[in-house]
Amino acid sequence: AMGNIGQNVELPQYTEGLYDARELAMSRMQAEAEALHAEGIVGVRLRAHGHRWGGHTTEFFAIGTAVRPLRADHHIPTPQLVLPLTDG
């Protein structure tokens, strides 16, 4: 343990907890969309927010827009994912 002083060391339990919390936030968002009979979720943003009152407390927000047809004959096109490779 003394050999790690001053070095960046991963804390596996903390990392696993962060992954689990992120997955829980996304699962809750998906469950809410399913309850609305949505066909999908667009514009998803995943935000992590640390709190001053808890040094190792992180809150995750999964925010998106549930998409569903306006009427029975309405077709929702499949979204195309576009990731720009430049800042421009």
C-alpha atoms as a PDB file:
ATOM      1  CA  ALA A   1       0.000   0.000   0.000  1.00  0.00           C
ATOM      2  CA  MET A   2       2.827   2.427   0.765  1.00  0.00           C
ATOM      3  CA  GLY A   3       4.250   1.962  -2.753  1.00  0.00           C
ATOM      4  CA  ASN A   4       1.146   3.632  -4.233  1.00  0.00           C
ATOM      5  CA  ILE A   5       1.531   6.946  -2.410  1.00  0.00           C
ATOM      6  CA  GLY A   6       1.462   9.825  -4.892  1.00  0.00           C
ATOM      7  CA  GLN A   7       0.459   7.576  -7.799  1.00  0.00           C
ATOM      8  CA  ASN A   8      -2.832   7.426  -9.660  1.00  0.00           C
ATOM      9  CA  VAL A   9      -4.424   4.124  -8.721  1.00  0.00           C
ATOM     10  CA  GLU A  10      -7.795   2.866  -9.922  1.00  0.00           C
ATOM     11  CA  LEU A  11     -10.296   1.970  -7.225  1.00  0.00           C
ATOM     12  CA  PRO A  12     -12.163  -0.980  -8.765  1.00  0.00           C
ATOM     13  CA  GLN A  13     -15.174  -0.756  -6.428  1.00  0.00           C
ATOM     14  CA  TYR A  14     -15.577   2.964  -7.135  1.00  0.00           C
ATOM     15  CA  THR A  15     -15.276   2.455 -10.899  1.00  0.00           C
ATOM     16  CA  GLU A  16     -17.800  -0.407 -10.796  1.00  0.00           C
ATOM     17  CA  GLY A  17     -20.169   1.757  -8.764  1.00  0.00           C
ATOM     18  CA  LEU A  18     -19.952   4.548 -11.348  1.00  0.00           C
ATOM     19  CA  TYR A  19     -20.691   2.116 -14.183  1.00  0.00           C
ATOM     20  CA  ASP A  20     -23.637   0.649 -12.258  1.00  0.00           C
ATOM     21  CA  ALA A  21     -25.077   4.104 -11.502  1.00  0.00           C
ATOM     22  CA  ARG A  22     -24.777   5.142 -15.145  1.00  0.00           C
ATOM     23  CA  GLU A  23     -26.510   1.954 -16.301  1.00  0.00           C
ATOM     24  CA  LEU A  24     -29.273   2.489 -13.735  1.00  0.00           C
ATOM     25  CA  ALA A  25     -29.909   6.037 -14.986  1.00  0.00           C
ATOM     26  CA  MET A  26     -30.146   4.812 -18.588  1.00  0.00           C
ATOM     27  CA  SER A  27     -32.407   1.901 -17.572  1.00  0.00           C
ATOM     28  CA  ARG A  28     -34.775   4.267 -15.807  1.00  0.00           C
ATOM     29  CA  MET A  29     -34.907   6.526 -18.860  1.00  0.00           C
ATOM     30  CA  GLN A  30     -35.670   3.519 -21.061  1.00  0.00           C
ATOM     31  CA  ALA A  31     -38.405   2.307 -18.672  1.00  0.00           C
ATOM     32  CA  GLU A  32     -40.073   5.726 -18.755  1.00  0.00           C
ATOM     33  CA  ALA A  33     -39.997   5.724 -22.570  1.00  0.00           C
ATOM     34  CA  GLU A  34     -41.474   2.212 -22.663  1.00  0.00           C
ATOM     35  CA  ALA A  35     -44.263   3.312 -20.299  1.00  0.00           C
ATOM     36  CA  LEU A  36     -45.100   6.031 -22.858  1.00  0.00           C
ATOM     37  CA  HIS A  37     -45.143   3.390 -25.639  1.00  0.00           C
ATOM     38  CA  ALA A  38     -42.263   5.210 -27.348  1.00  0.00           C
ATOM     39  CA  GLU A  39     -40.474   3.679 -30.310  1.00  0.00           C
ATOM     40  CA  GLY A  40     -37.162   5.125 -29.255  1.00  0.00           C
ATOM     41  CA  ILE A  41     -35.265   7.890 -27.505  1.00  0.00           C
ATOM     42  CA  VAL A  42     -33.391  10.649 -29.327  1.00  0.00           C
ATOM     43  CA  GLY A  43     -31.120  13.453 -28.193  1.00  0.00           C
ATOM     44  CA  VAL A  44     -29.817  11.434 -25.253  1.00  0.00           C
ATOM     45  CA  ARG A  45     -27.469  13.198 -22.891  1.00  0.00           C
ATOM     46  CA  LEU A  46     -25.786  11.479 -19.986  1.00  0.00           C
ATOM     47  CA  ARG A  47     -24.543  13.847 -17.310  1.00  0.00           C
ATOM     48  CA  ALA A  48     -22.589  13.134 -14.161  1.00  0.00           C
ATOM     49  CA  HIS A  49     -22.779  15.630 -11.337  1.00  0.00           C
ATOM     50  CA  GLY A  50     -20.587  15.553  -8.250  1.00  0.00           C
ATOM     51  CA  HIS A  51     -21.866  17.072  -5.031  1.00  0.00           C
ATOM     52  CA  ARG A  52     -19.880  19.328  -2.736  1.00  0.00           C
ATOM     53  CA  TRP A  53     -21.495  17.805   0.330  1.00  0.00           C
ATOM     54  CA  GLY A  54     -20.234  14.349  -0.596  1.00  0.00           C
ATOM     55  CA  GLY A  55     -16.675  14.051  -1.803  1.00  0.00           C
ATOM     56  CA  HIS A  56     -17.257  10.685  -3.472  1.00  0.00           C
ATOM     57  CA  THR A  57     -20.904  11.227  -4.413  1.00  0.00           C
ATOM     58  CA  THR A  58     -21.807  11.331  -8.094  1.00  0.00           C
ATOM     59  CA  GLU A  59     -25.324  11.674  -9.469  1.00  0.00           C
ATOM     60  CA  PHE A  60     -26.089  10.551 -13.021  1.00  0.00           C
ATOM     61  CA  PHE A  61     -28.769  12.068 -15.236  1.00  0.00           C
ATOM     62  CA  ALA A  62     -29.955  10.346 -18.408  1.00  0.00           C
ATOM     63  CA  ILE A  63     -31.990  12.858 -20.393  1.00  0.00           C
ATOM     64  CA  GLY A  64     -33.588  12.252 -23.783  1.00  0.00           C
ATOM     65  CA  THR A  65     -36.732  12.719 -25.821  1.00  0.00           C
ATOM     66  CA  ALA A  66     -39.098   9.775 -26.181  1.00  0.00           C
ATOM     67  CA  VAL A  67     -40.345   9.419 -29.760  1.00  0.00           C
ATOM     68  CA  ARG A  68     -43.673   7.877 -30.737  1.00  0.00           C
ATOM     69  CA  PRO A  69     -45.939   8.088 -33.776  1.00  0.00           C
ATOM     70  CA  LEU A  70     -48.585  10.816 -33.916  1.00  0.00           C
ATOM     71  CA  ARG A  71     -51.133   8.471 -35.529  1.00  0.00           C
ATOM     72  CA  ALA A  72     -51.353   4.855 -36.724  1.00  0.00           C
ATOM     73  CA  ASP A  73     -50.112   5.571 -40.266  1.00  0.00           C
ATOM     74  CA  HIS A  74     -47.244   7.795 -39.139  1.00  0.00           C
ATOM     75  CA  HIS A  75     -43.763   6.402 -39.823  1.00  0.00           C
ATOM     76  CA  ILE A  76     -40.743   7.451 -37.761  1.00  0.00           C
ATOM     77  CA  PRO A  77     -37.540   7.295 -39.831  1.00  0.00           C
ATOM     78  CA  THR A  78     -34.596   5.475 -38.313  1.00  0.00           C
ATOM     79  CA  PRO A  79     -32.180   8.064 -36.884  1.00  0.00           C
ATOM     80  CA  GLN A  80     -28.718   8.267 -38.385  1.00  0.00           C
ATOM     81  CA  LEU A  81     -25.856   8.597 -35.930  1.00  0.00           C
ATOM     82  CA  VAL A  82     -23.353  11.220 -37.014  1.00  0.00           C
ATOM     83  CA  LEU A  83     -20.182  11.815 -35.044  1.00  0.00           C
ATOM     84  CA  PRO A  84     -18.057  14.668 -36.368  1.00  0.00           C
ATOM     85  CA  LEU A  85     -14.339  14.025 -36.427  1.00  0.00           C
ATOM     86  CA  THR A  86     -13.432  17.694 -36.310  1.00  0.00           C
ATOM     87  CA  ASP A  87     -14.385  20.628 -34.099  1.00  0.00           C
ATOM     88  CA  GLY A  88     -15.872  22.473 -37.094  1.00  0.00           C
END
